Amino acid sequence: MVFLILSVIIFNLIAIFIPKRISGIEILTTTLFSSFLELIANILWDLKYDLYGYFNKGVDFKGFIFVFGIYPAINIVFLNFFPFKKNMIRKVIYISCWSLFANIYELLFLWSKTFYYNGWKFWYSIIIYPILYIILIGFYQYVSYLLRRNQQ
């Protein structure tokens, strides 16, 4: 639990104090979207299929520490530094690095016993993280498009 709380504090401090390259409305909408996506995934893979979970089986309110303490901050930092104007190789490297980080971090949460597998395999996460980051980028670009369209 100490590792989780320290992670929440560190990631949120980083998210608060980094110079922002994305607007407040983009932060809000992508954070709500990523939280929604996380909750849907957890309802399906945790509660329905019992493949993994936070702390204990079933609904555990401590799991909200992950959903609202870590994921929004990660969302902000990831999108804030994404190389939107760089070439595809830089984008692939960026997503790959973040996916590697997410997988290592997941292993640390397994080690700290705040997260557990119950049928989930680590290689599923290796496949899922890049897909989730790409979905998040796509949603961000859609929100940015809507904002630009409304300003015209």
Protein backbone atom coordinates (compact mmCIF):
# COMPACT_ATOMS: atom_id res chain seq x y z
CA MET A 1 0.00 0.00 0.00
CA VAL A 2 2.93 2.32 0.69
CA PHE A 3 4.15 1.88 -2.91
CA LEU A 4 0.69 2.76 -4.21
CA ILE A 5 0.37 5.91 -2.08
CA LEU A 6 3.88 7.06 -3.01
CA SER A 7 3.04 6.48 -6.68
CA VAL A 8 -0.12 8.56 -6.38
CA ILE A 9 1.78 11.42 -4.75
CA ILE A 10 4.69 11.37 -7.20
CA PHE A 11 2.60 11.07 -10.37
CA ASN A 12 0.17 13.76 -9.29
CA LEU A 13 2.96 16.16 -8.37
CA ILE A 14 4.51 15.58 -11.79
CA ALA A 15 1.12 16.08 -13.50
CA ILE A 16 0.48 19.28 -11.58
CA PHE A 17 3.88 20.90 -12.02
CA ILE A 18 4.88 20.01 -15.59
CA PRO A 19 4.48 22.80 -18.12
CA LYS A 20 1.22 22.00 -19.90
CA ARG A 21 1.18 21.64 -23.68
CA ILE A 22 -2.46 20.60 -23.74
CA SER A 23 -5.45 22.68 -22.68
CA GLY A 24 -7.51 22.23 -19.55
CA ILE A 25 -10.52 20.98 -21.51
CA GLU A 26 -8.32 18.43 -23.31
CA ILE A 27 -6.97 17.26 -19.96
CA LEU A 28 -10.47 17.01 -18.51
CA THR A 29 -12.04 15.14 -21.43
CA THR A 30 -9.17 12.69 -21.93
CA THR A 31 -8.94 12.04 -18.19
CA LEU A 32 -12.67 11.30 -18.00
CA PHE A 33 -12.39 9.09 -21.09
CA SER A 34 -9.39 7.15 -19.74
CA SER A 35 -11.11 6.70 -16.36
CA PHE A 36 -14.24 5.49 -18.14
CA LEU A 37 -12.19 3.07 -20.24
CA GLU A 38 -10.42 1.79 -17.13
CA LEU A 39 -13.71 1.27 -15.28
CA ILE A 40 -15.26 -0.61 -18.24
CA ALA A 41 -12.18 -2.84 -18.50
CA ASN A 42 -12.31 -3.52 -14.77
CA ILE A 43 -16.01 -4.34 -14.84
CA LEU A 44 -15.44 -6.85 -17.63
CA TRP A 45 -12.06 -8.38 -16.85
CA ASP A 46 -12.08 -8.05 -13.06
CA LEU A 47 -15.68 -8.32 -11.91
CA LYS A 48 -17.24 -10.41 -14.69
CA TYR A 49 -14.37 -12.72 -15.67
CA ASP A 50 -12.27 -12.44 -12.49
CA LEU A 51 -9.01 -12.28 -14.46
CA TYR A 52 -7.30 -9.75 -12.17
CA GLY A 53 -8.12 -7.28 -9.46
CA TYR A 54 -7.03 -4.72 -6.93
CA PHE A 55 -6.37 -5.84 -3.37
CA ASN A 56 -9.21 -8.37 -2.89
CA LYS A 57 -11.67 -10.18 -5.13
CA GLY A 58 -14.80 -8.24 -6.04
CA VAL A 59 -15.52 -4.57 -5.49
CA ASP A 60 -12.89 -3.06 -3.25
CA PHE A 61 -13.05 0.67 -2.68
CA LYS A 62 -9.27 0.82 -2.28
CA GLY A 63 -9.15 0.04 -6.01
CA PHE A 64 -10.42 3.55 -6.65
CA ILE A 65 -6.98 4.77 -5.56
CA PHE A 66 -5.67 3.33 -8.84
CA VAL A 67 -8.53 4.63 -10.97
CA PHE A 68 -8.59 8.17 -9.62
CA GLY A 69 -5.11 8.52 -8.12
CA ILE A 70 -2.81 7.14 -10.80
CA TYR A 71 -4.58 6.91 -14.17
CA PRO A 72 -5.53 10.60 -14.51
CA ALA A 73 -1.97 11.70 -13.72
CA ILE A 74 -0.48 9.17 -16.16
CA ASN A 75 -2.96 10.35 -18.79
CA ILE A 76 -1.85 13.97 -18.37
CA VAL A 77 1.88 13.22 -18.47
CA PHE A 78 1.60 10.77 -21.39
CA LEU A 79 -0.42 13.11 -23.61
CA ASN A 80 1.45 16.23 -22.56
CA PHE A 81 4.76 14.93 -23.89
CA PHE A 82 3.47 12.86 -26.81
CA PRO A 83 5.45 13.83 -29.96
CA PHE A 84 2.43 14.77 -32.09
CA LYS A 85 4.50 16.73 -34.61
CA LYS A 86 7.32 14.20 -34.92
CA ASN A 87 7.68 11.31 -37.35
CA MET A 88 6.03 7.93 -36.91
CA ILE A 89 9.22 6.29 -35.60
CA ARG A 90 9.37 8.75 -32.69
CA LYS A 91 5.70 8.09 -31.93
CA VAL A 92 6.21 4.31 -31.97
CA ILE A 93 9.25 4.63 -29.69
CA TYR A 94 7.30 6.89 -27.31
CA ILE A 95 4.36 4.46 -27.08
CA SER A 96 6.75 1.51 -26.73
CA CYS A 97 8.62 3.20 -23.88
CA TRP A 98 5.40 4.04 -22.06
CA SER A 99 4.13 0.47 -22.61
CA LEU A 100 7.36 -0.93 -21.19
CA PHE A 101 7.04 1.43 -18.22
CA ALA A 102 3.40 0.35 -17.68
CA ASN A 103 4.34 -3.33 -17.75
CA ILE A 104 7.19 -2.86 -15.29
CA TYR A 105 4.91 -0.81 -13.08
CA GLU A 106 2.27 -3.54 -13.22
CA LEU A 107 4.88 -6.04 -12.05
CA LEU A 108 5.74 -3.74 -9.14
CA PHE A 109 2.07 -3.59 -8.16
CA LEU A 110 1.92 -7.38 -8.30
CA TRP A 111 4.98 -7.48 -6.06
CA SER A 112 3.41 -5.00 -3.61
CA LYS A 113 0.23 -7.14 -3.51
CA THR A 114 -2.05 -4.23 -4.37
CA PHE A 115 -2.83 -5.93 -7.69
CA TYR A 116 -3.24 -9.62 -8.47
CA TYR A 117 -3.68 -11.94 -11.43
CA ASN A 118 -6.36 -14.61 -11.40
CA GLY A 119 -6.25 -16.00 -14.91
CA TRP A 120 -4.70 -12.92 -16.50
CA LYS A 121 -1.35 -13.49 -18.16
CA PHE A 122 1.43 -10.92 -18.26
CA TRP A 123 1.68 -11.14 -22.04
CA TYR A 124 -1.93 -9.89 -22.26
CA SER A 125 -0.71 -6.64 -20.71
CA ILE A 126 2.18 -6.48 -23.18
CA ILE A 127 -0.39 -6.50 -26.00
CA ILE A 128 -3.03 -4.31 -24.32
CA TYR A 129 -0.98 -1.29 -23.19
CA PRO A 130 0.06 -0.08 -26.67
CA ILE A 131 -3.54 -0.47 -27.84
CA LEU A 132 -4.82 1.57 -24.90
CA TYR A 133 -2.27 4.32 -25.52
CA ILE A 134 -3.24 4.45 -29.20
CA ILE A 135 -6.94 4.68 -28.27
CA LEU A 136 -6.13 7.51 -25.85
CA ILE A 137 -4.17 9.38 -28.53
CA GLY A 138 -7.03 8.91 -30.99
CA PHE A 139 -9.55 10.25 -28.49
CA TYR A 140 -7.31 13.23 -27.73
CA GLN A 141 -7.00 14.02 -31.43
CA TYR A 142 -10.77 13.79 -31.82
CA VAL A 143 -11.31 16.21 -28.91
CA SER A 144 -8.71 18.58 -30.39
CA TYR A 145 -10.48 18.40 -33.75
CA LEU A 146 -13.84 19.22 -32.14
CA LEU A 147 -12.32 22.17 -30.27
CA ARG A 148 -10.73 23.55 -33.44
CA ARG A 149 -13.96 23.09 -35.39
CA ASN A 150 -15.95 24.95 -32.75
CA GLN A 151 -13.51 27.86 -32.77
CA GLN A 152 -13.99 28.47 -36.51
